[in-house]
Amino acid sequence: MQREFRALLTGSAAVTALLAAQAIDWGAPMQGTRPPRIALHLIDNADGMTMQGPDGLWRGRVQVDVYDLTYGDTRAIADAVIGVLHGFRGGGFRGIILAQTRDSHETGASDRPFRISMDFMTNWSNDNA
């Protein structure tokens, strides 16, 4: 699921028009990496269960953190991400839904990037991949 989730973003012309595909990856960005960038985090992912056992539909949450030096640029990237992911259904994804967003900015240094965090609920089935 992680490879396909990242591929949705790196394969989007709307997203890659605003930042390089190499700036989109899983985990925290390396120290000193300059914005813009997107960090992906798998928060949870569990196989659905029925009385007969696993149903093959994995339900999870992916946190997408967008970083850039101005709020406007950060918002533009976040909006492009939402446009790609929210409501997406295809491949192994039975559905991706935006669940929550948070904005933040560390004050105290002028070079601190803005961050918009978004949580996406995912429904994934290997049977459809």
Protein backbone atom coordinates (compact mmCIF):
# COMPACT_ATOMS: atom_id res chain seq x y z
CA MET A 1 0.00 0.00 0.00
CA GLN A 2 2.82 2.43 0.87
CA ARG A 3 4.48 2.16 -2.54
CA GLU A 4 1.18 2.78 -4.34
CA PHE A 5 0.21 5.67 -2.03
CA ARG A 6 3.51 7.46 -2.76
CA ALA A 7 3.13 6.70 -6.48
CA LEU A 8 -0.20 8.54 -6.54
CA LEU A 9 1.57 11.71 -5.39
CA THR A 10 4.80 11.36 -7.41
CA GLY A 11 2.77 10.56 -10.52
CA SER A 12 0.55 13.63 -10.19
CA ALA A 13 1.39 16.52 -12.50
CA ALA A 14 -0.47 18.89 -10.15
CA VAL A 15 1.76 17.89 -7.22
CA THR A 16 5.07 17.62 -9.08
CA ALA A 17 4.53 21.03 -10.65
CA LEU A 18 4.99 22.41 -7.12
CA LEU A 19 7.84 20.20 -5.84
CA ALA A 20 10.15 17.48 -7.14
CA ALA A 21 8.97 13.87 -6.92
CA GLN A 22 12.17 13.08 -4.98
CA ALA A 23 10.96 15.44 -2.23
CA ILE A 24 8.05 13.08 -1.46
CA ASP A 25 8.93 10.12 0.73
CA TRP A 26 8.08 8.03 3.78
CA GLY A 27 9.43 9.05 7.17
CA ALA A 28 10.87 12.24 8.55
CA PRO A 29 12.99 14.25 6.12
CA MET A 30 16.72 14.18 6.72
CA GLN A 31 18.15 16.98 8.85
CA GLY A 32 18.93 20.00 6.72
CA THR A 33 16.61 19.04 3.85
CA ARG A 34 15.23 22.24 2.34
CA PRO A 35 11.52 22.72 1.63
CA PRO A 36 9.34 22.19 -0.23
CA ARG A 37 8.87 18.57 0.77
CA ILE A 38 6.25 16.03 1.73
CA ALA A 39 6.78 13.48 4.50
CA LEU A 40 4.47 10.46 4.62
CA HIS A 41 3.80 8.54 7.86
CA LEU A 42 1.83 5.31 8.26
CA ILE A 43 -0.10 5.91 11.50
CA ASP A 44 -2.01 2.64 11.57
CA ASN A 45 -3.04 -0.15 9.25
CA ALA A 46 -5.08 -3.19 10.26
CA ASP A 47 -6.62 -6.09 8.39
CA GLY A 48 -10.41 -6.18 8.69
CA MET A 49 -11.83 -9.18 10.48
CA THR A 50 -15.03 -11.18 10.18
CA MET A 51 -16.20 -14.19 12.20
CA GLN A 52 -14.51 -16.35 9.53
CA GLY A 53 -11.18 -14.50 9.79
CA PRO A 54 -9.46 -11.67 7.86
CA ASP A 55 -11.55 -10.11 5.10
CA GLY A 56 -8.56 -8.85 3.08
CA LEU A 57 -9.55 -5.17 3.36
CA TRP A 58 -6.87 -3.22 5.21
CA ARG A 59 -8.05 -0.03 6.91
CA GLY A 60 -5.46 2.56 7.82
CA ARG A 61 -4.48 6.14 8.37
CA VAL A 62 -1.67 7.94 6.54
CA GLN A 63 -0.41 11.31 7.76
CA VAL A 64 0.83 13.57 4.95
CA ASP A 65 3.00 16.48 6.14
CA VAL A 66 3.60 19.28 3.65
CA TYR A 67 6.45 21.73 4.35
CA ASP A 68 7.37 24.98 2.59
CA LEU A 69 8.75 28.41 3.48
CA THR A 70 5.52 30.40 3.03
CA TYR A 71 2.01 29.53 4.12
CA GLY A 72 0.65 30.22 0.63
CA ASP A 73 3.07 27.80 -1.02
CA THR A 74 2.42 25.18 1.67
CA ARG A 75 -1.34 25.57 1.17
CA ALA A 76 -0.99 25.25 -2.63
CA ILE A 77 0.87 21.93 -2.27
CA ALA A 78 -1.63 20.69 0.34
CA ASP A 79 -4.54 21.58 -1.97
CA ALA A 80 -2.88 19.65 -4.82
CA VAL A 81 -2.41 16.64 -2.52
CA ILE A 82 -6.06 16.78 -1.47
CA GLY A 83 -7.09 17.00 -5.13
CA VAL A 84 -5.19 13.78 -5.89
CA LEU A 85 -6.02 11.72 -2.81
CA HIS A 86 -9.43 12.73 -1.39
CA GLY A 87 -12.06 10.42 -2.84
CA PHE A 88 -9.54 8.40 -4.86
CA ARG A 89 -10.56 4.86 -5.74
CA GLY A 90 -8.48 2.65 -8.02
CA GLY A 91 -5.82 -0.04 -8.12
CA GLY A 92 -5.75 -1.63 -4.69
CA PHE A 93 -7.43 1.36 -3.06
CA ARG A 94 -11.11 0.88 -2.36
CA GLY A 95 -11.11 4.46 -1.13
CA ILE A 96 -8.96 7.26 0.29
CA ILE A 97 -10.76 9.91 2.35
CA LEU A 98 -9.41 13.09 3.96
CA ALA A 99 -10.19 12.83 7.68
CA GLN A 100 -8.41 15.78 9.29
CA THR A 101 -6.04 18.72 8.66
CA ARG A 102 -3.79 20.75 10.96
CA ASP A 103 -1.69 23.84 10.25
CA SER A 104 1.42 24.77 12.22
CA HIS A 105 4.47 26.99 12.11
CA GLU A 106 7.40 27.04 14.48
CA THR A 107 8.16 30.57 15.50
CA GLY A 108 11.51 31.64 16.79
CA ALA A 109 13.50 31.43 13.56
CA SER A 110 12.70 33.00 10.21
CA ASP A 111 13.83 29.93 8.26
CA ARG A 112 11.36 27.54 9.94
CA PRO A 113 8.97 26.08 7.39
CA PHE A 114 5.21 26.11 7.56
CA ARG A 115 3.58 22.69 7.89
CA ILE A 116 0.16 21.42 6.95
CA SER A 117 -0.59 17.92 8.23
CA MET A 118 -3.39 15.90 6.72
CA ASP A 119 -4.71 12.51 7.81
CA PHE A 120 -6.13 10.27 5.10
CA MET A 121 -8.14 7.16 5.89
CA THR A 122 -7.29 4.36 3.49
CA ASN A 123 -9.10 1.18 2.49
CA TRP A 124 -6.74 -1.18 0.67
CA SER A 125 -7.20 -4.64 -0.78
CA ASN A 126 -4.29 -6.63 -2.22
CA ASP A 127 -6.86 -8.52 -4.27
CA ASN A 128 -7.47 -5.38 -6.37
CA ALA A 129 -3.86 -4.26 -6.72
